[in-house]
Amino acid sequence: IIKGVESSMRTGIKANYPVVDTKVRLFDGATHPVDSSGFAFEIAGKAAFKEASSECQPIILEPMMSVEIVTPEDYEAAIQGDIQSRRGTVDNVGNRINLKVLDCKVPLANMFSYIADLRALSKGRATFCMEFSCYDPMPDSLAEELIGKKK
């Protein structure tokens, strides 16, 4: 049964992405000397997971990155606007000597080729570093678009 459930979890519910943070509990079961086999229980696990997943409201998660941008003050507004256009949020703005430090959270999917854009916005004077932060729910409109592409 565990094999069947785990197999279904790897296949996923939406857009074939794996299912995470799920608890499965078996309440009752029975065996029959003729019909019971490992394969039959695996199929039962898959069927049970499929039935349970049709009754839930799954969400697609996307990786979010913590981004620190160090920039001269002259370019701060343009860089903040660019972060917001990437569905990011600026959590904190600090000072470091005569520079501004922006602490942001941005979806990983929107950070590809960011260095080129940052250089263009700051005339090559800003730098950034990023690291994984967490997984956040993807907005419904983007999730639906993603599911449409996967089908």
N, C-alpha and C. Protein backbone atom coordinates (compact mmCIF):
# COMPACT_ATOMS: atom_id res chain seq x y z
N ILE A 1 0.84 -1.19 0.00
CA ILE A 1 0.00 0.00 0.00
C ILE A 1 0.89 1.25 0.00
N ILE A 2 1.94 1.22 0.82
CA ILE A 2 2.85 2.36 0.89
C ILE A 2 3.48 2.63 -0.47
N LYS A 3 3.88 1.56 -1.16
CA LYS A 3 4.47 1.72 -2.48
C LYS A 3 3.52 2.42 -3.45
N GLY A 4 2.25 2.04 -3.42
CA GLY A 4 1.26 2.64 -4.31
C GLY A 4 1.04 4.11 -4.01
N VAL A 5 0.94 4.43 -2.72
CA VAL A 5 0.73 5.83 -2.34
C VAL A 5 1.95 6.67 -2.72
N GLU A 6 3.16 6.17 -2.41
CA GLU A 6 4.37 6.93 -2.74
C GLU A 6 4.52 7.11 -4.24
N SER A 7 4.16 6.10 -5.00
CA SER A 7 4.21 6.22 -6.46
C SER A 7 3.27 7.32 -6.96
N SER A 8 2.07 7.35 -6.41
CA SER A 8 1.11 8.38 -6.80
C SER A 8 1.57 9.76 -6.36
N MET A 9 2.22 9.84 -5.21
CA MET A 9 2.72 11.14 -4.73
C MET A 9 3.83 11.67 -5.64
N ARG A 10 4.67 10.78 -6.16
CA ARG A 10 5.73 11.23 -7.07
C ARG A 10 5.15 11.73 -8.38
N THR A 11 4.06 11.12 -8.83
CA THR A 11 3.41 11.52 -10.08
C THR A 11 2.69 12.85 -9.92
N GLY A 12 2.15 13.08 -8.74
CA GLY A 12 1.52 14.35 -8.44
C GLY A 12 0.05 14.42 -8.80
N ILE A 13 -0.55 15.53 -8.38
CA ILE A 13 -1.98 15.78 -8.62
C ILE A 13 -2.14 16.83 -9.71
N LYS A 14 -1.41 17.93 -9.57
CA LYS A 14 -1.48 19.04 -10.52
C LYS A 14 -0.18 19.13 -11.29
N ALA A 15 -0.27 19.14 -12.60
CA ALA A 15 0.87 19.39 -13.48
C ALA A 15 2.02 18.40 -13.27
N ASN A 16 1.73 17.24 -12.73
CA ASN A 16 2.73 16.17 -12.52
C ASN A 16 3.88 16.57 -11.60
N TYR A 17 3.66 17.51 -10.71
CA TYR A 17 4.66 17.85 -9.71
C TYR A 17 4.44 16.98 -8.49
N PRO A 18 5.50 16.55 -7.81
CA PRO A 18 5.33 15.65 -6.66
C PRO A 18 4.55 16.31 -5.52
N VAL A 19 3.87 15.48 -4.78
CA VAL A 19 3.09 15.92 -3.62
C VAL A 19 4.01 15.86 -2.40
N VAL A 20 4.02 16.93 -1.61
CA VAL A 20 4.85 16.99 -0.40
C VAL A 20 3.98 17.37 0.79
N ASP A 21 4.52 17.20 1.99
CA ASP A 21 3.85 17.59 3.23
C ASP A 21 2.47 16.95 3.35
N THR A 22 2.42 15.65 3.13
CA THR A 22 1.17 14.92 3.18
C THR A 22 1.28 13.78 4.18
N LYS A 23 0.22 13.57 4.91
CA LYS A 23 0.18 12.46 5.87
C LYS A 23 -0.89 11.48 5.39
N VAL A 24 -0.56 10.21 5.38
CA VAL A 24 -1.49 9.17 4.94
C VAL A 24 -1.69 8.21 6.11
N ARG A 25 -2.95 7.91 6.37
CA ARG A 25 -3.25 6.99 7.47
C ARG A 25 -4.20 5.91 6.95
N LEU A 26 -3.87 4.66 7.22
CA LEU A 26 -4.70 3.52 6.84
C LEU A 26 -5.58 3.17 8.04
N PHE A 27 -6.90 3.20 7.84
CA PHE A 27 -7.82 2.93 8.94
C PHE A 27 -8.25 1.46 8.99
N ASP A 28 -8.38 0.84 7.86
CA ASP A 28 -8.91 -0.52 7.85
C ASP A 28 -8.39 -1.24 6.61
N GLY A 29 -8.31 -2.52 6.69
CA GLY A 29 -7.89 -3.31 5.55
C GLY A 29 -8.19 -4.78 5.81
N ALA A 30 -8.20 -5.52 4.74
CA ALA A 30 -8.45 -6.95 4.87
C ALA A 30 -7.66 -7.69 3.79
N THR A 31 -7.41 -8.94 4.05
CA THR A 31 -6.72 -9.78 3.07
C THR A 31 -7.63 -10.93 2.67
N HIS A 32 -7.36 -11.46 1.52
CA HIS A 32 -8.09 -12.61 1.01
C HIS A 32 -7.06 -13.58 0.46
N PRO A 33 -7.15 -14.84 0.80
CA PRO A 33 -6.11 -15.79 0.38
C PRO A 33 -5.93 -15.89 -1.14
N VAL A 34 -6.96 -15.65 -1.90
CA VAL A 34 -6.86 -15.80 -3.36
C VAL A 34 -6.46 -14.49 -4.03
N ASP A 35 -7.09 -13.40 -3.65
CA ASP A 35 -6.91 -12.12 -4.35
C ASP A 35 -5.81 -11.22 -3.78
N SER A 36 -5.32 -11.48 -2.61
CA SER A 36 -4.34 -10.59 -1.98
C SER A 36 -2.93 -10.87 -2.49
N SER A 37 -2.27 -9.80 -2.94
CA SER A 37 -0.87 -9.89 -3.37
C SER A 37 -0.25 -8.51 -3.18
N GLY A 38 1.06 -8.45 -3.25
CA GLY A 38 1.75 -7.16 -3.14
C GLY A 38 1.29 -6.18 -4.19
N PHE A 39 1.11 -6.67 -5.41
CA PHE A 39 0.68 -5.82 -6.51
C PHE A 39 -0.74 -5.31 -6.29
N ALA A 40 -1.62 -6.16 -5.77
CA ALA A 40 -3.00 -5.75 -5.51
C ALA A 40 -3.05 -4.65 -4.46
N PHE A 41 -2.23 -4.78 -3.42
CA PHE A 41 -2.21 -3.73 -2.38
C PHE A 41 -1.60 -2.44 -2.92
N GLU A 42 -0.62 -2.53 -3.81
CA GLU A 42 -0.06 -1.33 -4.44
C GLU A 42 -1.12 -0.60 -5.25
N ILE A 43 -1.90 -1.34 -6.01
CA ILE A 43 -2.99 -0.75 -6.79
C ILE A 43 -4.02 -0.12 -5.86
N ALA A 44 -4.31 -0.78 -4.75
CA ALA A 44 -5.26 -0.22 -3.78
C ALA A 44 -4.74 1.09 -3.20
N GLY A 45 -3.44 1.16 -2.91
CA GLY A 45 -2.84 2.40 -2.41
C GLY A 45 -2.95 3.52 -3.42
N LYS A 46 -2.69 3.21 -4.69
CA LYS A 46 -2.80 4.23 -5.76
C LYS A 46 -4.24 4.72 -5.88
N ALA A 47 -5.19 3.78 -5.84
CA ALA A 47 -6.60 4.15 -5.98
C ALA A 47 -7.06 5.00 -4.79
N ALA A 48 -6.62 4.65 -3.60
CA ALA A 48 -7.01 5.41 -2.41
C ALA A 48 -6.44 6.82 -2.47
N PHE A 49 -5.18 6.95 -2.91
CA PHE A 49 -4.58 8.29 -3.01
C PHE A 49 -5.29 9.12 -4.06
N LYS A 50 -5.63 8.49 -5.19
CA LYS A 50 -6.32 9.22 -6.26
C LYS A 50 -7.68 9.71 -5.76
N GLU A 51 -8.40 8.87 -5.03
CA GLU A 51 -9.71 9.26 -4.51
C GLU A 51 -9.58 10.40 -3.49
N ALA A 52 -8.61 10.28 -2.60
CA ALA A 52 -8.41 11.32 -1.57
C ALA A 52 -7.96 12.63 -2.21
N SER A 53 -7.13 12.56 -3.24
CA SER A 53 -6.62 13.79 -3.86
C SER A 53 -7.71 14.52 -4.63
N SER A 54 -8.74 13.80 -5.06
CA SER A 54 -9.84 14.48 -5.77
C SER A 54 -10.69 15.30 -4.80
N GLU A 55 -10.59 15.01 -3.52
CA GLU A 55 -11.37 15.72 -2.51
C GLU A 55 -10.61 16.87 -1.84
N CYS A 56 -9.33 17.04 -2.14
CA CYS A 56 -8.55 18.09 -1.50
C CYS A 56 -8.37 19.29 -2.43
N GLN A 57 -7.74 20.31 -1.93
CA GLN A 57 -7.47 21.50 -2.72
C GLN A 57 -5.96 21.72 -2.78
N PRO A 58 -5.27 21.00 -3.67
CA PRO A 58 -3.81 21.12 -3.72
C PRO A 58 -3.36 22.46 -4.29
N ILE A 59 -2.18 22.88 -3.89
CA ILE A 59 -1.59 24.11 -4.41
C ILE A 59 -0.21 23.78 -4.98
N ILE A 60 0.24 24.57 -5.91
CA ILE A 60 1.58 24.42 -6.47
C ILE A 60 2.48 25.40 -5.75
N LEU A 61 3.61 24.90 -5.27
CA LEU A 61 4.58 25.74 -4.56
C LEU A 61 5.70 26.14 -5.50
N GLU A 62 6.24 27.32 -5.30
CA GLU A 62 7.38 27.77 -6.09
C GLU A 62 8.51 28.19 -5.16
N PRO A 63 9.75 27.94 -5.57
CA PRO A 63 10.89 28.32 -4.72
C PRO A 63 11.05 29.84 -4.69
N MET A 64 11.25 30.36 -3.49
CA MET A 64 11.48 31.78 -3.29
C MET A 64 12.92 31.98 -2.85
N MET A 65 13.52 33.05 -3.32
CA MET A 65 14.91 33.34 -3.02
C MET A 65 15.00 34.59 -2.15
N SER A 66 15.91 34.54 -1.18
CA SER A 66 16.27 35.74 -0.43
C SER A 66 17.34 36.44 -1.24
N VAL A 67 17.12 37.69 -1.57
CA VAL A 67 18.04 38.44 -2.42
C VAL A 67 18.50 39.67 -1.66
N GLU A 68 19.80 39.89 -1.63
CA GLU A 68 20.35 41.11 -1.05
C GLU A 68 21.01 41.90 -2.17
N ILE A 69 20.56 43.13 -2.34
CA ILE A 69 21.09 43.99 -3.40
C ILE A 69 21.77 45.18 -2.73
N VAL A 70 23.01 45.44 -3.14
CA VAL A 70 23.77 46.59 -2.64
C VAL A 70 23.94 47.55 -3.83
N THR A 71 23.42 48.77 -3.65
CA THR A 71 23.40 49.71 -4.76
C THR A 71 23.64 51.14 -4.28
N PRO A 72 24.19 51.98 -5.13
CA PRO A 72 24.21 53.42 -4.80
C PRO A 72 22.77 53.94 -4.71
N GLU A 73 22.57 54.93 -3.89
CA GLU A 73 21.23 55.46 -3.63
C GLU A 73 20.54 55.94 -4.89
N ASP A 74 21.29 56.42 -5.86
CA ASP A 74 20.71 56.95 -7.10
C ASP A 74 19.87 55.93 -7.85
N TYR A 75 20.17 54.66 -7.69
CA TYR A 75 19.51 53.61 -8.48
C TYR A 75 18.48 52.82 -7.66
N GLU A 76 18.31 53.17 -6.41
CA GLU A 76 17.43 52.40 -5.51
C GLU A 76 16.00 52.29 -6.04
N ALA A 77 15.41 53.39 -6.45
CA ALA A 77 14.01 53.38 -6.90
C ALA A 77 13.82 52.49 -8.13
N ALA A 78 14.73 52.59 -9.08
CA ALA A 78 14.62 51.78 -10.30
C ALA A 78 14.75 50.29 -9.97
N ILE A 79 15.65 49.97 -9.06
CA ILE A 79 15.86 48.57 -8.69
C ILE A 79 14.65 48.04 -7.91
N GLN A 80 14.09 48.85 -7.02
CA GLN A 80 12.89 48.41 -6.30
C GLN A 80 11.74 48.16 -7.27
N GLY A 81 11.59 49.00 -8.25
CA GLY A 81 10.54 48.80 -9.27
C GLY A 81 10.76 47.52 -10.05
N ASP A 82 12.01 47.23 -10.37
CA ASP A 82 12.32 46.01 -11.11
C ASP A 82 12.01 44.77 -10.26
N ILE A 83 12.35 44.81 -8.98
CA ILE A 83 12.05 43.69 -8.08
C ILE A 83 10.54 43.46 -8.02
N GLN A 84 9.77 44.52 -7.91
CA GLN A 84 8.32 44.38 -7.84
C GLN A 84 7.74 43.86 -9.16
N SER A 85 8.36 44.22 -10.28
CA SER A 85 7.89 43.71 -11.57
C SER A 85 8.17 42.22 -11.72
N ARG A 86 9.06 41.70 -10.90
CA ARG A 86 9.38 40.25 -10.90
C ARG A 86 8.57 39.51 -9.84
N ARG A 87 7.51 40.09 -9.35
CA ARG A 87 6.66 39.54 -8.28
C ARG A 87 7.40 39.42 -6.97
N GLY A 88 8.42 40.24 -6.77
CA GLY A 88 9.18 40.22 -5.53
C GLY A 88 8.71 41.26 -4.55
N THR A 89 9.16 41.13 -3.31
CA THR A 89 8.86 42.12 -2.29
C THR A 89 10.15 42.61 -1.67
N VAL A 90 10.21 43.87 -1.37
CA VAL A 90 11.36 44.45 -0.68
C VAL A 90 11.00 44.46 0.80
N ASP A 91 11.67 43.63 1.58
CA ASP A 91 11.35 43.47 2.99
C ASP A 91 12.02 44.52 3.88
N ASN A 92 13.20 44.97 3.46
CA ASN A 92 13.95 45.91 4.30
C ASN A 92 14.91 46.71 3.42
N VAL A 93 15.08 47.97 3.76
CA VAL A 93 16.07 48.81 3.09
C VAL A 93 16.98 49.36 4.18
N GLY A 94 18.26 49.06 4.06
CA GLY A 94 19.22 49.53 5.06
C GLY A 94 20.32 50.35 4.41
N ASN A 95 21.23 50.81 5.23
CA ASN A 95 22.37 51.60 4.75
C ASN A 95 23.67 50.88 5.08
N ARG A 96 24.61 50.99 4.18
CA ARG A 96 25.95 50.48 4.40
C ARG A 96 26.91 51.52 3.82
N ILE A 97 27.52 52.27 4.68
CA ILE A 97 28.37 53.41 4.32
C ILE A 97 27.54 54.37 3.47
N ASN A 98 27.86 54.54 2.19
CA ASN A 98 27.06 55.44 1.35
C ASN A 98 26.23 54.65 0.33
N LEU A 99 25.93 53.39 0.65
CA LEU A 99 25.16 52.53 -0.25
C LEU A 99 23.85 52.12 0.41
N LYS A 100 22.90 51.73 -0.42
CA LYS A 100 21.62 51.18 0.06
C LYS A 100 21.68 49.66 -0.05
N VAL A 101 21.13 48.99 0.95
CA VAL A 101 21.06 47.52 0.95
C VAL A 101 19.59 47.13 0.98
N LEU A 102 19.14 46.45 -0.07
CA LEU A 102 17.76 46.01 -0.17
C LEU A 102 17.68 44.51 0.11
N ASP A 103 16.87 44.14 1.09
CA ASP A 103 16.61 42.73 1.37
C ASP A 103 15.27 42.39 0.74
N CYS A 104 15.30 41.43 -0.18
CA CYS A 104 14.11 41.12 -0.96
C CYS A 104 13.81 39.63 -0.95
N LYS A 105 12.61 39.30 -1.37
CA LYS A 105 12.19 37.92 -1.56
C LYS A 105 11.56 37.85 -2.94
N VAL A 106 12.12 37.00 -3.81
CA VAL A 106 11.71 36.97 -5.21
C VAL A 106 11.59 35.51 -5.67
N PRO A 107 10.58 35.17 -6.50
CA PRO A 107 10.49 33.81 -7.04
C PRO A 107 11.72 33.49 -7.90
N LEU A 108 12.24 32.29 -7.73
CA LEU A 108 13.42 31.87 -8.49
C LEU A 108 13.20 31.97 -10.00
N ALA A 109 12.01 31.63 -10.45
CA ALA A 109 11.72 31.65 -11.89
C ALA A 109 11.93 33.03 -12.50
N ASN A 110 11.83 34.08 -11.69
CA ASN A 110 11.98 35.45 -12.20
C ASN A 110 13.37 36.02 -11.99
N MET A 111 14.30 35.20 -11.53
CA MET A 111 15.65 35.70 -11.25
C MET A 111 16.67 35.32 -12.31
N PHE A 112 16.28 34.53 -13.29
CA PHE A 112 17.22 34.15 -14.33
C PHE A 112 17.61 35.38 -15.15
N SER A 113 18.87 35.52 -15.41
CA SER A 113 19.48 36.65 -16.13
C SER A 113 19.31 37.98 -15.39
N TYR A 114 19.13 37.93 -14.08
CA TYR A 114 18.93 39.16 -13.31
C TYR A 114 20.18 40.04 -13.31
N ILE A 115 21.35 39.44 -13.30
CA ILE A 115 22.58 40.23 -13.22
C ILE A 115 22.69 41.21 -14.39
N ALA A 116 22.29 40.77 -15.57
CA ALA A 116 22.36 41.67 -16.73
C ALA A 116 21.41 42.85 -16.57
N ASP A 117 20.21 42.57 -16.07
CA ASP A 117 19.24 43.64 -15.86
C ASP A 117 19.69 44.59 -14.76
N LEU A 118 20.26 44.03 -13.68
CA LEU A 118 20.74 44.88 -12.58
C LEU A 118 21.88 45.79 -13.05
N ARG A 119 22.77 45.24 -13.83
CA ARG A 119 23.87 46.07 -14.36
C ARG A 119 23.35 47.19 -15.24
N ALA A 120 22.33 46.88 -16.06
CA ALA A 120 21.76 47.90 -16.93
C ALA A 120 21.07 49.00 -16.10
N LEU A 121 20.37 48.61 -15.05
CA LEU A 121 19.67 49.59 -14.22
C LEU A 121 20.62 50.48 -13.42
N SER A 122 21.77 49.93 -13.03
CA SER A 122 22.68 50.67 -12.15
C SER A 122 23.97 51.10 -12.83
N LYS A 123 24.03 50.94 -14.12
CA LYS A 123 25.25 51.26 -14.88
C LYS A 123 26.44 50.47 -14.35
N GLY A 124 26.17 49.23 -13.93
CA GLY A 124 27.23 48.33 -13.47
C GLY A 124 27.69 48.54 -12.05
N ARG A 125 26.99 49.35 -11.27
CA ARG A 125 27.47 49.71 -9.93
C ARG A 125 26.81 48.93 -8.80
N ALA A 126 25.75 48.19 -9.07
CA ALA A 126 25.06 47.42 -8.04
C ALA A 126 25.49 45.96 -8.10
N THR A 127 25.39 45.29 -6.96
CA THR A 127 25.68 43.85 -6.89
C THR A 127 24.54 43.18 -6.13
N PHE A 128 24.46 41.87 -6.28
CA PHE A 128 23.45 41.14 -5.52
C PHE A 128 23.95 39.75 -5.20
N CYS A 129 23.36 39.15 -4.19
CA CYS A 129 23.57 37.74 -3.89
C CYS A 129 22.22 37.16 -3.52
N MET A 130 22.04 35.88 -3.78
CA MET A 130 20.77 35.27 -3.44
C MET A 130 20.98 33.87 -2.92
N GLU A 131 20.02 33.43 -2.10
CA GLU A 131 20.03 32.08 -1.59
C GLU A 131 18.59 31.63 -1.40
N PHE A 132 18.40 30.32 -1.37
CA PHE A 132 17.06 29.77 -1.21
C PHE A 132 16.47 30.23 0.12
N SER A 133 15.19 30.61 0.09
CA SER A 133 14.50 31.05 1.30
C SER A 133 13.45 30.02 1.74
N CYS A 134 12.47 29.76 0.88
CA CYS A 134 11.37 28.88 1.23
C CYS A 134 10.55 28.57 -0.02
N TYR A 135 9.50 27.80 0.16
CA TYR A 135 8.52 27.58 -0.91
C TYR A 135 7.27 28.35 -0.53
N ASP A 136 6.71 29.09 -1.47
CA ASP A 136 5.46 29.81 -1.27
C ASP A 136 4.44 29.36 -2.31
N PRO A 137 3.15 29.46 -2.01
CA PRO A 137 2.14 29.11 -3.00
C PRO A 137 2.25 29.99 -4.24
N MET A 138 2.13 29.36 -5.39
CA MET A 138 2.16 30.09 -6.66
C MET A 138 0.79 30.76 -6.85
N PRO A 139 0.75 31.98 -7.36
CA PRO A 139 -0.55 32.62 -7.62
C PRO A 139 -1.41 31.75 -8.54
N ASP A 140 -2.72 31.75 -8.30
CA ASP A 140 -3.64 30.89 -9.05
C ASP A 140 -3.54 31.08 -10.56
N SER A 141 -3.43 32.32 -11.01
CA SER A 141 -3.38 32.58 -12.45
C SER A 141 -2.14 31.92 -13.08
N LEU A 142 -1.01 32.01 -12.41
CA LEU A 142 0.21 31.38 -12.93
C LEU A 142 0.14 29.86 -12.82
N ALA A 143 -0.46 29.36 -11.75
CA ALA A 143 -0.60 27.91 -11.59
C ALA A 143 -1.47 27.33 -12.70
N GLU A 144 -2.57 28.00 -13.03
CA GLU A 144 -3.44 27.53 -14.10
C GLU A 144 -2.71 27.54 -15.44
N GLU A 145 -1.92 28.57 -15.67
CA GLU A 145 -1.14 28.67 -16.92
C GLU A 145 -0.12 27.52 -16.98
N LEU A 146 0.51 27.23 -15.87
CA LEU A 146 1.50 26.14 -15.79
C LEU A 146 0.83 24.79 -16.03
N ILE A 147 -0.32 24.58 -15.44
CA ILE A 147 -1.05 23.32 -15.62
C ILE A 147 -1.44 23.16 -17.09
N GLY A 148 -1.87 24.25 -17.72
CA GLY A 148 -2.22 24.20 -19.14
C GLY A 148 -1.05 23.82 -20.03
N LYS A 149 0.16 24.29 -19.69
CA LYS A 149 1.35 23.96 -20.46
C LYS A 149 1.75 22.51 -20.28
N LYS A 150 1.53 21.95 -19.09
CA LYS A 150 1.93 20.58 -18.78
C LYS A 150 1.03 19.54 -19.43
N LYS A 151 -0.21 19.94 -19.77
CA LYS A 151 -1.15 18.96 -20.34
C LYS A 151 -0.90 18.72 -21.78
